[in-house]
């Protein structure tokens, strides 16, 4: 006998209620992806260092032009609220205290991946594209490269460029900020 199992998807509002009531704790490493609460991978030392390095480069390079959000959420729709490693947000005087940051506020999403690479490519890239996130950088710590996704179209991006070695890259919204992959990855990969 075949038995169908019904899955219960959650909304962002319900997800927040779970946090408010203590069902989800402050230290739980989870995010809401298409209505499902997903356990996030543990963060290793190399991952942390890359995120910290990117944060430093972006804050020093862009100053008060943007808000650099580190490992914080963005609301993509009623059922998805991922927590990218870094997000460049349009600057707002209230720092998004009165409303969640959404796709229209996002200038760049950066995901740093080592063990989560397949998940990021298979789930997060299409998720960001469907939400209309205009630019996504996916740093691959395993092979020392970075994929730059631009021009969202349906479940993917029209433009995908792989950055390697001494290649330079700039956020589309800030072409004056030129970074090398070596700066992003640090000395061992430079």
Protein backbone atom coordinates (compact mmCIF):
# COMPACT_ATOMS: atom_id res chain seq x y z
CA UNK A 1 0.00 0.00 0.00
CA UNK A 2 1.36 3.41 -1.01
CA UNK A 3 0.90 6.17 1.48
CA UNK A 4 1.08 9.82 0.53
CA UNK A 5 2.81 12.03 3.04
CA UNK A 6 1.63 15.61 3.19
CA UNK A 7 4.34 18.18 3.71
CA UNK A 8 3.57 21.29 5.70
CA UNK A 9 5.19 24.43 4.29
CA UNK A 10 5.59 27.48 6.47
CA UNK A 11 5.25 31.15 5.65
CA UNK A 12 7.78 33.76 6.66
CA UNK A 13 5.28 35.05 9.23
CA UNK A 14 4.93 31.57 10.81
CA UNK A 15 8.71 31.14 10.73
CA UNK A 16 9.14 34.39 12.66
CA UNK A 17 6.48 33.30 15.17
CA UNK A 18 8.48 30.11 15.80
CA UNK A 19 11.46 32.25 16.68
CA UNK A 20 9.41 34.61 18.85
CA UNK A 21 7.91 31.73 20.86
CA UNK A 22 11.22 29.90 21.29
CA UNK A 23 10.52 26.96 18.98
CA UNK A 24 13.49 28.13 16.97
CA UNK A 25 16.33 29.39 19.10
CA UNK A 26 18.71 32.24 18.46
CA UNK A 27 21.57 29.80 17.91
CA UNK A 28 19.68 27.53 15.49
CA UNK A 29 21.42 27.66 12.11
CA UNK A 30 18.35 27.48 9.90
CA UNK A 31 16.77 29.40 7.06
CA UNK A 32 13.38 29.27 5.36
CA UNK A 33 13.60 28.07 1.75
CA UNK A 34 10.40 27.69 -0.25
CA UNK A 35 8.36 27.02 2.90
CA UNK A 36 10.77 24.50 4.41
CA UNK A 37 13.01 25.10 7.40
CA UNK A 38 16.46 24.04 6.25
CA UNK A 39 19.42 23.29 8.52
CA UNK A 40 22.45 25.28 7.38
CA UNK A 41 25.91 23.75 7.11
CA UNK A 42 28.39 24.40 9.91
CA UNK A 43 30.75 27.27 9.19
CA UNK A 44 34.41 26.31 8.98
CA UNK A 45 37.46 28.49 9.58
CA UNK A 46 38.13 29.07 5.86
CA UNK A 47 34.52 30.06 5.29
CA UNK A 48 34.58 32.49 8.22
CA UNK A 49 37.84 34.03 7.03
CA UNK A 50 36.48 34.58 3.52
CA UNK A 51 33.27 36.18 4.84
CA UNK A 52 35.28 38.43 7.18
CA UNK A 53 37.67 39.36 4.35
CA UNK A 54 34.77 40.22 2.01
CA UNK A 55 33.08 42.23 4.74
CA UNK A 56 36.26 44.22 5.29
CA UNK A 57 36.77 44.83 1.54
CA UNK A 58 33.17 45.92 1.00
CA UNK A 59 32.92 48.16 4.06
CA UNK A 60 36.25 49.86 3.32
CA UNK A 61 35.51 50.11 -0.40
CA UNK A 62 31.93 51.35 -0.24
CA UNK A 63 31.84 53.20 3.06
CA UNK A 64 28.42 54.61 3.82
CA UNK A 65 27.01 54.06 0.31
CA UNK A 66 25.40 50.76 1.34
CA UNK A 67 24.55 48.56 4.27
CA UNK A 68 26.73 45.45 4.33
CA UNK A 69 24.68 42.73 6.02
CA UNK A 70 26.67 39.73 7.23
CA UNK A 71 24.86 36.39 7.61
CA UNK A 72 21.49 38.08 8.01
CA UNK A 73 18.20 37.35 6.31
CA UNK A 74 16.46 38.82 3.31
CA UNK A 75 12.78 38.17 2.60
CA UNK A 76 12.42 37.00 -0.98
CA UNK A 77 8.71 36.17 -0.88
CA UNK A 78 6.09 34.79 1.50
CA UNK A 79 7.85 31.43 1.82
CA UNK A 80 11.58 32.13 1.52
CA UNK A 81 13.89 34.00 3.83
CA UNK A 82 17.47 32.83 3.21
CA UNK A 83 20.47 34.04 5.18
CA UNK A 84 23.22 34.71 2.64
CA UNK A 85 26.77 35.16 3.84
CA UNK A 86 26.82 38.80 2.73
CA UNK A 87 24.32 41.19 1.18
CA UNK A 88 24.81 44.71 -0.11
CA UNK A 89 21.60 46.58 0.67
CA UNK A 90 20.42 50.00 -0.42
CA UNK A 91 21.12 52.39 2.41
CA UNK A 92 18.10 53.34 4.52
CA UNK A 93 18.11 55.69 7.50
CA UNK A 94 16.33 53.14 9.71
CA UNK A 95 18.64 50.24 8.68
CA UNK A 96 15.53 48.17 7.86
CA UNK A 97 14.11 48.39 11.38
CA UNK A 98 10.62 49.21 10.05
CA UNK A 99 10.48 46.65 7.21
CA UNK A 100 12.33 43.55 6.04
CA UNK A 101 14.84 43.88 3.23
CA UNK A 102 13.44 42.42 0.03
CA UNK A 103 14.68 41.81 -3.51
CA UNK A 104 14.18 45.45 -4.47
CA UNK A 105 16.61 46.49 -1.71
CA UNK A 106 19.36 44.02 -2.65
CA UNK A 107 22.28 45.21 -4.77
CA UNK A 108 24.41 42.07 -4.41
CA UNK A 109 24.16 38.70 -2.66
CA UNK A 110 27.34 36.77 -1.86
CA UNK A 111 27.35 33.11 -0.86
CA UNK A 112 30.59 31.44 0.25
CA UNK A 113 30.57 27.68 -0.24
CA UNK A 114 32.71 24.71 0.55
CA UNK A 115 30.53 21.81 1.70
CA UNK A 116 27.31 23.54 0.56
CA UNK A 117 28.33 24.10 -3.08
CA UNK A 118 25.86 21.64 -4.66
CA UNK A 119 23.02 23.03 -2.54
CA UNK A 120 23.92 26.61 -3.41
CA UNK A 121 24.00 25.86 -7.15
CA UNK A 122 20.93 23.61 -7.15
CA UNK A 123 18.65 25.46 -4.73
CA UNK A 124 19.87 28.96 -3.91
CA UNK A 125 20.93 30.18 -7.37
CA UNK A 126 17.46 29.40 -8.86
CA UNK A 127 15.78 30.83 -5.74
CA UNK A 128 17.64 34.14 -6.07
CA UNK A 129 16.99 34.25 -9.84
CA UNK A 130 13.23 33.70 -9.40
CA UNK A 131 13.17 36.50 -6.80
CA UNK A 132 14.86 38.87 -9.25
CA UNK A 133 18.12 39.32 -7.33
CA UNK A 134 20.13 41.22 -9.93
CA UNK A 135 23.59 39.97 -8.95
CA UNK A 136 24.92 36.97 -7.06
CA UNK A 137 28.51 35.99 -6.34
CA UNK A 138 29.13 32.36 -5.41
CA UNK A 139 32.62 31.86 -3.96
CA UNK A 140 33.84 28.27 -4.32
CA UNK A 141 36.43 27.69 -1.61
CA UNK A 142 37.20 24.17 -2.84
CA UNK A 143 38.59 25.13 -6.25
CA UNK A 144 39.43 28.78 -5.54
CA UNK A 145 37.02 30.31 -8.04
CA UNK A 146 33.95 32.51 -7.98
CA UNK A 147 30.88 32.50 -10.23
CA UNK A 148 29.29 35.87 -10.94
CA UNK A 149 25.60 35.65 -11.85
CA UNK A 150 23.82 38.61 -13.44
CA UNK A 151 20.57 39.25 -15.32
CA UNK A 152 18.05 36.96 -13.62
CA UNK A 153 15.71 35.11 -15.98
CA UNK A 154 13.26 32.53 -14.64
CA UNK A 155 15.16 29.87 -12.69
CA UNK A 156 18.62 31.04 -13.73
CA UNK A 157 20.77 33.91 -14.90
CA UNK A 158 21.52 35.01 -18.46
CA UNK A 159 25.08 35.97 -17.59
CA UNK A 160 27.39 33.67 -15.65
CA UNK A 161 31.11 34.41 -15.53
CA UNK A 162 33.63 32.28 -13.63
CA UNK A 163 36.42 34.31 -12.03
CA UNK A 164 39.77 32.61 -11.45
CA UNK A 165 43.37 33.46 -10.56
CA UNK A 166 44.16 37.15 -10.90
CA UNK A 167 40.79 38.02 -12.47
CA UNK A 168 39.16 41.22 -11.29
CA UNK A 169 35.52 41.72 -10.44
CA UNK A 170 33.31 44.65 -9.49
CA UNK A 171 29.75 44.75 -8.21
CA UNK A 172 27.54 45.88 -11.09
CA UNK A 173 26.09 48.65 -8.89
CA UNK A 174 29.60 49.88 -7.95
CA UNK A 175 31.98 49.45 -10.91
CA UNK A 176 34.51 51.72 -9.21
CA UNK A 177 35.14 49.03 -6.56
CA UNK A 178 37.55 46.62 -8.22
CA UNK A 179 38.47 43.46 -6.31
CA UNK A 180 40.72 40.58 -7.27
CA UNK A 181 39.88 37.00 -6.53
CA UNK A 182 43.11 36.86 -4.53
CA UNK A 183 41.82 39.59 -2.23
CA UNK A 184 38.58 37.69 -1.73
CA UNK A 185 40.16 34.28 -1.12
CA UNK A 186 43.25 35.43 0.78
CA UNK A 187 46.93 34.56 0.48
CA UNK A 188 46.74 30.75 0.03
CA UNK A 189 44.72 31.19 -3.19
CA UNK A 190 46.27 34.42 -4.45
